[in-house]
Amino acid sequence: MSISFTDPKSLDHAALEEGTAFAPRFDANGLITVVTVEDGTNDVLMVAHMNAETLSLTLETGIAHYWSRSRQSIWKKGETSGELQEVVELRTDCDQDCVVMVVRQTGRGAACHTGRKTCFYRRVMTKDSTASLEDTGLPKLFDPKAVYGA
């Protein structure tokens, strides 16, 4: 079974922004941006993309599925690492061109392929008009080489 969505072109402005029809507005590449946050803490775990198929799979299974732009393939989050994301809630913004997904992070609690809880483990710092990155000190919850190989 596949979840169907309303075509956003079939809706007027008011229906798109105030109505009850879920009409995701995919970009020219057929993708929609998804911000994934952890249930309970509201920590931003990652930002990724979905196409219509992965959005449908996510809603059908209750497990996060994304579209890997680098591999050009479906990416079931945690399929290799065991760090599945169980969907608690999916929200869309006012004009339905991005979504926020609230998840329960399973496994060791790492959403990032680097083994950390979140992909946002560095902060941008500036000094003498130069920007650089500083590690925030988030520990690795697993060894990526042991999980994914060299």
N, C-alpha and C. Protein backbone atom coordinates (compact mmCIF):
# COMPACT_ATOMS: atom_id res chain seq x y z
N MET A 1 0.84 -1.18 0.00
CA MET A 1 0.00 0.00 0.00
C MET A 1 0.88 1.24 0.00
N SER A 2 0.52 2.20 -0.79
CA SER A 2 1.28 3.44 -0.88
C SER A 2 0.41 4.60 -0.40
N ILE A 3 0.98 5.46 0.41
CA ILE A 3 0.26 6.64 0.89
C ILE A 3 0.23 7.66 -0.24
N SER A 4 -0.94 8.22 -0.49
CA SER A 4 -1.04 9.24 -1.54
C SER A 4 -1.13 10.63 -0.91
N PHE A 5 -0.67 11.60 -1.66
CA PHE A 5 -0.68 12.99 -1.23
C PHE A 5 -1.50 13.80 -2.22
N THR A 6 -2.00 14.92 -1.77
CA THR A 6 -2.72 15.83 -2.64
C THR A 6 -1.72 16.59 -3.50
N ASP A 7 -2.04 16.81 -4.75
CA ASP A 7 -1.20 17.61 -5.63
C ASP A 7 -1.33 19.08 -5.21
N PRO A 8 -0.23 19.71 -4.80
CA PRO A 8 -0.35 21.11 -4.34
C PRO A 8 -0.88 22.06 -5.41
N LYS A 9 -0.70 21.71 -6.69
CA LYS A 9 -1.19 22.57 -7.77
C LYS A 9 -2.71 22.59 -7.82
N SER A 10 -3.33 21.59 -7.18
CA SER A 10 -4.80 21.53 -7.18
C SER A 10 -5.42 22.39 -6.07
N LEU A 11 -4.59 22.98 -5.23
CA LEU A 11 -5.08 23.76 -4.11
C LEU A 11 -4.85 25.25 -4.31
N ASP A 12 -5.78 26.05 -3.83
CA ASP A 12 -5.53 27.48 -3.82
C ASP A 12 -4.67 27.82 -2.60
N HIS A 13 -4.24 29.06 -2.52
CA HIS A 13 -3.33 29.51 -1.47
C HIS A 13 -3.88 29.21 -0.07
N ALA A 14 -5.14 29.54 0.14
CA ALA A 14 -5.76 29.34 1.46
C ALA A 14 -5.82 27.86 1.81
N ALA A 15 -6.18 27.02 0.86
CA ALA A 15 -6.28 25.59 1.12
C ALA A 15 -4.90 24.99 1.41
N LEU A 16 -3.88 25.47 0.70
CA LEU A 16 -2.52 24.97 0.91
C LEU A 16 -2.02 25.35 2.30
N GLU A 17 -2.27 26.59 2.71
CA GLU A 17 -1.71 27.08 3.96
C GLU A 17 -2.61 26.89 5.18
N GLU A 18 -3.89 26.69 5.00
CA GLU A 18 -4.79 26.59 6.14
C GLU A 18 -5.65 25.32 6.14
N GLY A 19 -5.63 24.59 5.04
CA GLY A 19 -6.51 23.43 4.90
C GLY A 19 -5.96 22.16 5.53
N THR A 20 -6.68 21.08 5.31
CA THR A 20 -6.32 19.78 5.91
C THR A 20 -5.66 18.83 4.92
N ALA A 21 -5.55 19.20 3.66
CA ALA A 21 -4.92 18.32 2.67
C ALA A 21 -3.40 18.35 2.82
N PHE A 22 -2.79 17.17 2.92
CA PHE A 22 -1.33 17.10 2.94
C PHE A 22 -0.87 17.10 1.49
N ALA A 23 -0.22 18.19 1.09
CA ALA A 23 0.18 18.41 -0.29
C ALA A 23 1.64 18.85 -0.33
N PRO A 24 2.57 17.93 -0.04
CA PRO A 24 3.97 18.33 0.00
C PRO A 24 4.43 18.93 -1.33
N ARG A 25 5.15 20.04 -1.22
CA ARG A 25 5.67 20.72 -2.41
C ARG A 25 7.11 20.32 -2.62
N PHE A 26 7.31 19.28 -3.42
CA PHE A 26 8.65 18.80 -3.74
C PHE A 26 9.33 19.79 -4.68
N ASP A 27 10.66 19.89 -4.57
CA ASP A 27 11.40 20.84 -5.41
C ASP A 27 11.55 20.28 -6.83
N ALA A 28 12.31 20.98 -7.67
CA ALA A 28 12.49 20.58 -9.06
C ALA A 28 13.14 19.20 -9.20
N ASN A 29 13.86 18.77 -8.17
CA ASN A 29 14.48 17.44 -8.18
C ASN A 29 13.58 16.38 -7.54
N GLY A 30 12.35 16.78 -7.19
CA GLY A 30 11.42 15.84 -6.59
C GLY A 30 11.69 15.58 -5.12
N LEU A 31 12.35 16.52 -4.44
CA LEU A 31 12.74 16.33 -3.04
C LEU A 31 12.11 17.38 -2.14
N ILE A 32 11.97 17.01 -0.87
CA ILE A 32 11.52 17.93 0.17
C ILE A 32 12.51 17.80 1.33
N THR A 33 12.87 18.91 1.93
CA THR A 33 13.80 18.92 3.05
C THR A 33 13.08 18.47 4.31
N VAL A 34 13.76 17.63 5.10
CA VAL A 34 13.21 17.17 6.37
C VAL A 34 14.22 17.43 7.48
N VAL A 35 13.75 18.11 8.53
CA VAL A 35 14.54 18.33 9.73
C VAL A 35 14.08 17.28 10.73
N THR A 36 15.01 16.47 11.23
CA THR A 36 14.67 15.39 12.14
C THR A 36 15.10 15.77 13.55
N VAL A 37 14.14 15.74 14.47
CA VAL A 37 14.40 16.10 15.87
C VAL A 37 14.05 14.93 16.78
N GLU A 38 14.73 14.90 17.92
CA GLU A 38 14.53 13.82 18.87
C GLU A 38 13.33 14.10 19.78
N ASP A 39 12.45 13.11 19.91
CA ASP A 39 11.32 13.21 20.80
C ASP A 39 11.81 13.42 22.24
N GLY A 40 11.18 14.31 22.93
CA GLY A 40 11.52 14.55 24.33
C GLY A 40 12.53 15.65 24.54
N THR A 41 13.64 15.62 23.78
CA THR A 41 14.67 16.64 23.96
C THR A 41 14.54 17.78 22.95
N ASN A 42 13.93 17.50 21.82
CA ASN A 42 13.83 18.43 20.69
C ASN A 42 15.20 18.79 20.11
N ASP A 43 16.21 17.96 20.37
CA ASP A 43 17.52 18.15 19.75
C ASP A 43 17.40 17.89 18.25
N VAL A 44 17.98 18.77 17.43
CA VAL A 44 18.01 18.53 15.99
C VAL A 44 19.05 17.44 15.75
N LEU A 45 18.60 16.33 15.20
CA LEU A 45 19.49 15.20 14.95
C LEU A 45 20.14 15.28 13.58
N MET A 46 19.36 15.67 12.57
CA MET A 46 19.88 15.69 11.21
C MET A 46 18.93 16.46 10.29
N VAL A 47 19.45 16.79 9.13
CA VAL A 47 18.66 17.37 8.04
C VAL A 47 18.93 16.52 6.82
N ALA A 48 17.87 16.11 6.15
CA ALA A 48 18.02 15.25 4.98
C ALA A 48 16.90 15.59 3.99
N HIS A 49 16.72 14.70 3.03
CA HIS A 49 15.69 14.92 2.00
C HIS A 49 14.86 13.66 1.82
N MET A 50 13.63 13.86 1.37
CA MET A 50 12.74 12.77 1.01
C MET A 50 12.16 13.05 -0.36
N ASN A 51 11.87 11.98 -1.08
CA ASN A 51 11.06 12.11 -2.28
C ASN A 51 9.69 11.53 -1.95
N ALA A 52 8.78 11.49 -2.91
CA ALA A 52 7.43 11.00 -2.63
C ALA A 52 7.45 9.56 -2.14
N GLU A 53 8.32 8.73 -2.71
CA GLU A 53 8.37 7.33 -2.32
C GLU A 53 8.86 7.16 -0.87
N THR A 54 9.93 7.87 -0.50
CA THR A 54 10.45 7.71 0.86
C THR A 54 9.53 8.35 1.89
N LEU A 55 8.84 9.42 1.53
CA LEU A 55 7.86 10.02 2.43
C LEU A 55 6.71 9.03 2.66
N SER A 56 6.26 8.40 1.60
CA SER A 56 5.21 7.40 1.71
C SER A 56 5.67 6.21 2.55
N LEU A 57 6.88 5.71 2.30
CA LEU A 57 7.42 4.59 3.09
C LEU A 57 7.51 4.94 4.57
N THR A 58 7.92 6.16 4.85
CA THR A 58 8.03 6.62 6.23
C THR A 58 6.67 6.60 6.91
N LEU A 59 5.66 7.11 6.23
CA LEU A 59 4.32 7.14 6.81
C LEU A 59 3.73 5.73 6.93
N GLU A 60 4.01 4.87 5.97
CA GLU A 60 3.49 3.49 5.99
C GLU A 60 4.11 2.65 7.10
N THR A 61 5.42 2.77 7.27
CA THR A 61 6.14 1.86 8.17
C THR A 61 6.37 2.43 9.56
N GLY A 62 6.33 3.76 9.69
CA GLY A 62 6.64 4.39 10.96
C GLY A 62 8.13 4.45 11.24
N ILE A 63 8.94 4.11 10.25
CA ILE A 63 10.41 4.17 10.34
C ILE A 63 10.90 5.17 9.29
N ALA A 64 11.83 6.04 9.68
CA ALA A 64 12.33 7.08 8.77
C ALA A 64 13.04 6.48 7.56
N HIS A 65 12.62 6.93 6.40
CA HIS A 65 13.27 6.63 5.12
C HIS A 65 13.60 7.96 4.46
N TYR A 66 14.78 8.07 3.89
CA TYR A 66 15.20 9.30 3.23
C TYR A 66 15.65 8.97 1.81
N TRP A 67 15.90 10.03 1.04
CA TRP A 67 16.49 9.88 -0.29
C TRP A 67 17.94 10.33 -0.19
N SER A 68 18.85 9.43 -0.50
CA SER A 68 20.27 9.78 -0.49
C SER A 68 20.61 10.45 -1.82
N ARG A 69 20.94 11.73 -1.75
CA ARG A 69 21.31 12.45 -2.97
C ARG A 69 22.64 11.96 -3.50
N SER A 70 23.57 11.58 -2.61
CA SER A 70 24.89 11.14 -3.08
C SER A 70 24.83 9.76 -3.72
N ARG A 71 24.00 8.87 -3.18
CA ARG A 71 23.88 7.51 -3.74
C ARG A 71 22.74 7.38 -4.73
N GLN A 72 21.88 8.40 -4.78
CA GLN A 72 20.70 8.37 -5.64
C GLN A 72 19.86 7.12 -5.37
N SER A 73 19.59 6.89 -4.08
CA SER A 73 18.82 5.71 -3.70
C SER A 73 18.09 5.94 -2.38
N ILE A 74 17.13 5.05 -2.13
CA ILE A 74 16.40 5.08 -0.87
C ILE A 74 17.35 4.71 0.26
N TRP A 75 17.19 5.39 1.38
CA TRP A 75 18.05 5.19 2.53
C TRP A 75 17.15 4.99 3.74
N LYS A 76 17.02 3.75 4.19
CA LYS A 76 16.28 3.46 5.41
C LYS A 76 17.23 3.74 6.57
N LYS A 77 16.95 4.80 7.31
CA LYS A 77 17.85 5.23 8.37
C LYS A 77 18.04 4.11 9.39
N GLY A 78 19.31 3.73 9.60
CA GLY A 78 19.64 2.71 10.59
C GLY A 78 19.66 1.29 10.07
N GLU A 79 19.41 1.10 8.79
CA GLU A 79 19.37 -0.25 8.24
C GLU A 79 20.70 -0.98 8.42
N THR A 80 21.81 -0.27 8.29
CA THR A 80 23.13 -0.87 8.48
C THR A 80 23.58 -0.76 9.93
N SER A 81 23.39 0.39 10.54
CA SER A 81 23.92 0.66 11.88
C SER A 81 23.05 0.16 13.02
N GLY A 82 21.77 -0.08 12.73
CA GLY A 82 20.84 -0.44 13.80
C GLY A 82 20.26 0.78 14.50
N GLU A 83 20.62 1.96 14.05
CA GLU A 83 20.15 3.21 14.66
C GLU A 83 18.88 3.69 13.94
N LEU A 84 17.82 2.89 14.02
CA LEU A 84 16.56 3.23 13.37
C LEU A 84 15.92 4.45 14.03
N GLN A 85 15.10 5.14 13.24
CA GLN A 85 14.35 6.27 13.76
C GLN A 85 12.86 5.95 13.67
N GLU A 86 12.23 5.79 14.83
CA GLU A 86 10.80 5.52 14.91
C GLU A 86 10.06 6.86 14.90
N VAL A 87 9.16 7.02 13.95
CA VAL A 87 8.46 8.29 13.78
C VAL A 87 7.39 8.46 14.87
N VAL A 88 7.45 9.58 15.55
CA VAL A 88 6.46 9.96 16.55
C VAL A 88 5.45 10.92 15.92
N GLU A 89 5.96 11.86 15.12
CA GLU A 89 5.10 12.89 14.53
C GLU A 89 5.79 13.47 13.31
N LEU A 90 4.99 13.83 12.33
CA LEU A 90 5.49 14.51 11.14
C LEU A 90 4.68 15.78 10.98
N ARG A 91 5.39 16.89 10.84
CA ARG A 91 4.74 18.19 10.65
C ARG A 91 5.22 18.81 9.35
N THR A 92 4.39 19.65 8.77
CA THR A 92 4.80 20.42 7.60
C THR A 92 4.68 21.91 7.93
N ASP A 93 5.43 22.71 7.21
CA ASP A 93 5.35 24.16 7.44
C ASP A 93 4.16 24.73 6.68
N CYS A 94 3.96 26.03 6.80
CA CYS A 94 2.76 26.68 6.27
C CYS A 94 2.55 26.48 4.77
N ASP A 95 3.62 26.53 3.98
CA ASP A 95 3.43 26.36 2.54
C ASP A 95 3.84 24.96 2.06
N GLN A 96 4.04 24.05 3.00
CA GLN A 96 4.26 22.63 2.74
C GLN A 96 5.46 22.33 1.83
N ASP A 97 6.55 23.12 2.01
CA ASP A 97 7.74 22.82 1.22
C ASP A 97 8.89 22.26 2.06
N CYS A 98 8.63 21.96 3.32
CA CYS A 98 9.58 21.23 4.15
C CYS A 98 8.81 20.58 5.29
N VAL A 99 9.44 19.60 5.92
CA VAL A 99 8.79 18.90 7.03
C VAL A 99 9.74 18.79 8.21
N VAL A 100 9.15 18.67 9.39
CA VAL A 100 9.88 18.37 10.62
C VAL A 100 9.37 17.02 11.08
N MET A 101 10.31 16.11 11.34
CA MET A 101 9.94 14.78 11.78
C MET A 101 10.48 14.57 13.19
N VAL A 102 9.60 14.24 14.11
CA VAL A 102 9.97 13.94 15.48
C VAL A 102 10.12 12.42 15.57
N VAL A 103 11.28 11.97 16.08
CA VAL A 103 11.57 10.54 16.11
C VAL A 103 12.06 10.09 17.48
N ARG A 104 11.92 8.79 17.72
CA ARG A 104 12.61 8.12 18.81
C ARG A 104 13.81 7.45 18.18
N GLN A 105 14.99 7.86 18.58
CA GLN A 105 16.22 7.30 18.05
C GLN A 105 16.49 5.98 18.78
N THR A 106 16.64 4.89 18.04
CA THR A 106 16.85 3.59 18.65
C THR A 106 18.33 3.23 18.66
N GLY A 107 18.64 2.00 19.00
CA GLY A 107 20.03 1.55 19.03
C GLY A 107 20.79 2.21 20.16
N ARG A 108 21.96 2.73 19.84
CA ARG A 108 22.80 3.39 20.85
C ARG A 108 22.47 4.87 20.98
N GLY A 109 21.54 5.33 20.14
CA GLY A 109 21.12 6.73 20.22
C GLY A 109 21.86 7.66 19.28
N ALA A 110 22.54 7.10 18.28
CA ALA A 110 23.33 7.91 17.35
C ALA A 110 22.59 8.09 16.04
N ALA A 111 22.31 9.32 15.67
CA ALA A 111 21.68 9.62 14.39
C ALA A 111 22.72 9.85 13.30
N CYS A 112 23.93 10.25 13.69
CA CYS A 112 24.96 10.63 12.71
C CYS A 112 25.82 9.44 12.33
N HIS A 113 26.19 9.38 11.05
CA HIS A 113 27.06 8.30 10.57
C HIS A 113 28.46 8.35 11.20
N THR A 114 28.79 9.48 11.85
CA THR A 114 30.08 9.57 12.56
C THR A 114 30.02 8.89 13.92
N GLY A 115 28.84 8.39 14.29
CA GLY A 115 28.67 7.72 15.57
C GLY A 115 28.16 8.61 16.68
N ARG A 116 27.89 9.88 16.37
CA ARG A 116 27.42 10.82 17.38
C ARG A 116 25.89 10.88 17.42
N LYS A 117 25.36 11.41 18.50
CA LYS A 117 23.91 11.55 18.65
C LYS A 117 23.31 12.38 17.52
N THR A 118 23.96 13.46 17.18
CA THR A 118 23.45 14.39 16.18
C THR A 118 24.52 14.71 15.15
N CYS A 119 24.09 15.09 13.97
CA CYS A 119 25.02 15.52 12.92
C CYS A 119 25.58 16.92 13.21
N PHE A 120 24.99 17.60 14.17
CA PHE A 120 25.39 18.97 14.49
C PHE A 120 26.30 18.99 15.71
N TYR A 121 27.49 18.42 15.55
CA TYR A 121 28.44 18.28 16.66
C TYR A 121 29.58 19.30 16.60
N ARG A 122 29.50 20.24 15.64
CA ARG A 122 30.51 21.30 15.54
C ARG A 122 29.80 22.64 15.48
N ARG A 123 30.46 23.66 16.04
CA ARG A 123 29.91 25.01 15.96
C ARG A 123 30.87 25.87 15.13
N VAL A 124 30.30 26.87 14.47
CA VAL A 124 31.09 27.80 13.66
C VAL A 124 31.59 28.91 14.57
N MET A 125 32.89 29.15 14.51
CA MET A 125 33.54 30.19 15.29
C MET A 125 34.20 31.17 14.32
N THR A 126 34.32 32.42 14.73
CA THR A 126 35.05 33.39 13.91
C THR A 126 36.14 34.05 14.74
N LYS A 127 37.28 34.24 14.10
CA LYS A 127 38.40 34.93 14.72
C LYS A 127 39.18 35.62 13.61
N ASP A 128 39.44 36.87 13.79
CA ASP A 128 40.19 37.65 12.79
C ASP A 128 39.60 37.49 11.39
N SER A 129 38.28 37.61 11.30
CA SER A 129 37.57 37.54 10.03
C SER A 129 37.67 36.18 9.32
N THR A 130 38.02 35.15 10.06
CA THR A 130 38.09 33.80 9.48
C THR A 130 37.16 32.88 10.25
N ALA A 131 36.35 32.14 9.51
CA ALA A 131 35.44 31.18 10.13
C ALA A 131 36.11 29.81 10.21
N SER A 132 35.90 29.13 11.32
CA SER A 132 36.42 27.77 11.49
C SER A 132 35.40 26.97 12.30
N LEU A 133 35.65 25.68 12.42
CA LEU A 133 34.76 24.80 13.16
C LEU A 133 35.40 24.35 14.46
N GLU A 134 34.58 24.26 15.50
CA GLU A 134 35.03 23.80 16.80
C GLU A 134 34.13 22.65 17.23
N ASP A 135 34.73 21.55 17.64
CA ASP A 135 33.99 20.39 18.12
C ASP A 135 33.29 20.75 19.43
N THR A 136 32.03 20.34 19.58
CA THR A 136 31.27 20.64 20.80
C THR A 136 31.52 19.61 21.90
N GLY A 137 32.25 18.54 21.57
CA GLY A 137 32.58 17.54 22.56
C GLY A 137 31.60 16.39 22.66
N LEU A 138 30.66 16.30 21.72
CA LEU A 138 29.73 15.17 21.74
C LEU A 138 30.50 13.87 21.55
N PRO A 139 30.32 12.90 22.43
CA PRO A 139 31.07 11.65 22.30
C PRO A 139 30.52 10.78 21.17
N LYS A 140 31.39 9.93 20.64
CA LYS A 140 30.94 8.93 19.66
C LYS A 140 30.29 7.80 20.43
N LEU A 141 29.11 7.40 19.98
CA LEU A 141 28.36 6.33 20.62
C LEU A 141 28.66 4.97 19.98
N PHE A 142 29.28 5.01 18.80
CA PHE A 142 29.77 3.79 18.16
C PHE A 142 30.93 4.14 17.25
N ASP A 143 31.70 3.14 16.90
CA ASP A 143 32.85 3.30 16.00
C ASP A 143 32.37 3.12 14.57
N PRO A 144 32.36 4.17 13.77
CA PRO A 144 31.87 4.07 12.39
C PRO A 144 32.62 3.03 11.55
N LYS A 145 33.92 2.88 11.75
CA LYS A 145 34.68 1.89 10.97
C LYS A 145 34.21 0.48 11.28
N ALA A 146 33.88 0.22 12.55
CA ALA A 146 33.42 -1.12 12.94
C ALA A 146 32.01 -1.40 12.38
N VAL A 147 31.20 -0.34 12.24
CA VAL A 147 29.84 -0.51 11.77
C VAL A 147 29.75 -0.52 10.24
N TYR A 148 30.45 0.41 9.60
CA TYR A 148 30.31 0.59 8.16
C TYR A 148 31.49 0.03 7.37
N GLY A 149 32.58 -0.31 8.03
CA GLY A 149 33.78 -0.74 7.33
C GLY A 149 34.69 0.43 7.05
N ALA A 150 35.85 0.14 6.54
CA ALA A 150 36.87 1.18 6.33
C ALA A 150 36.51 2.13 5.21
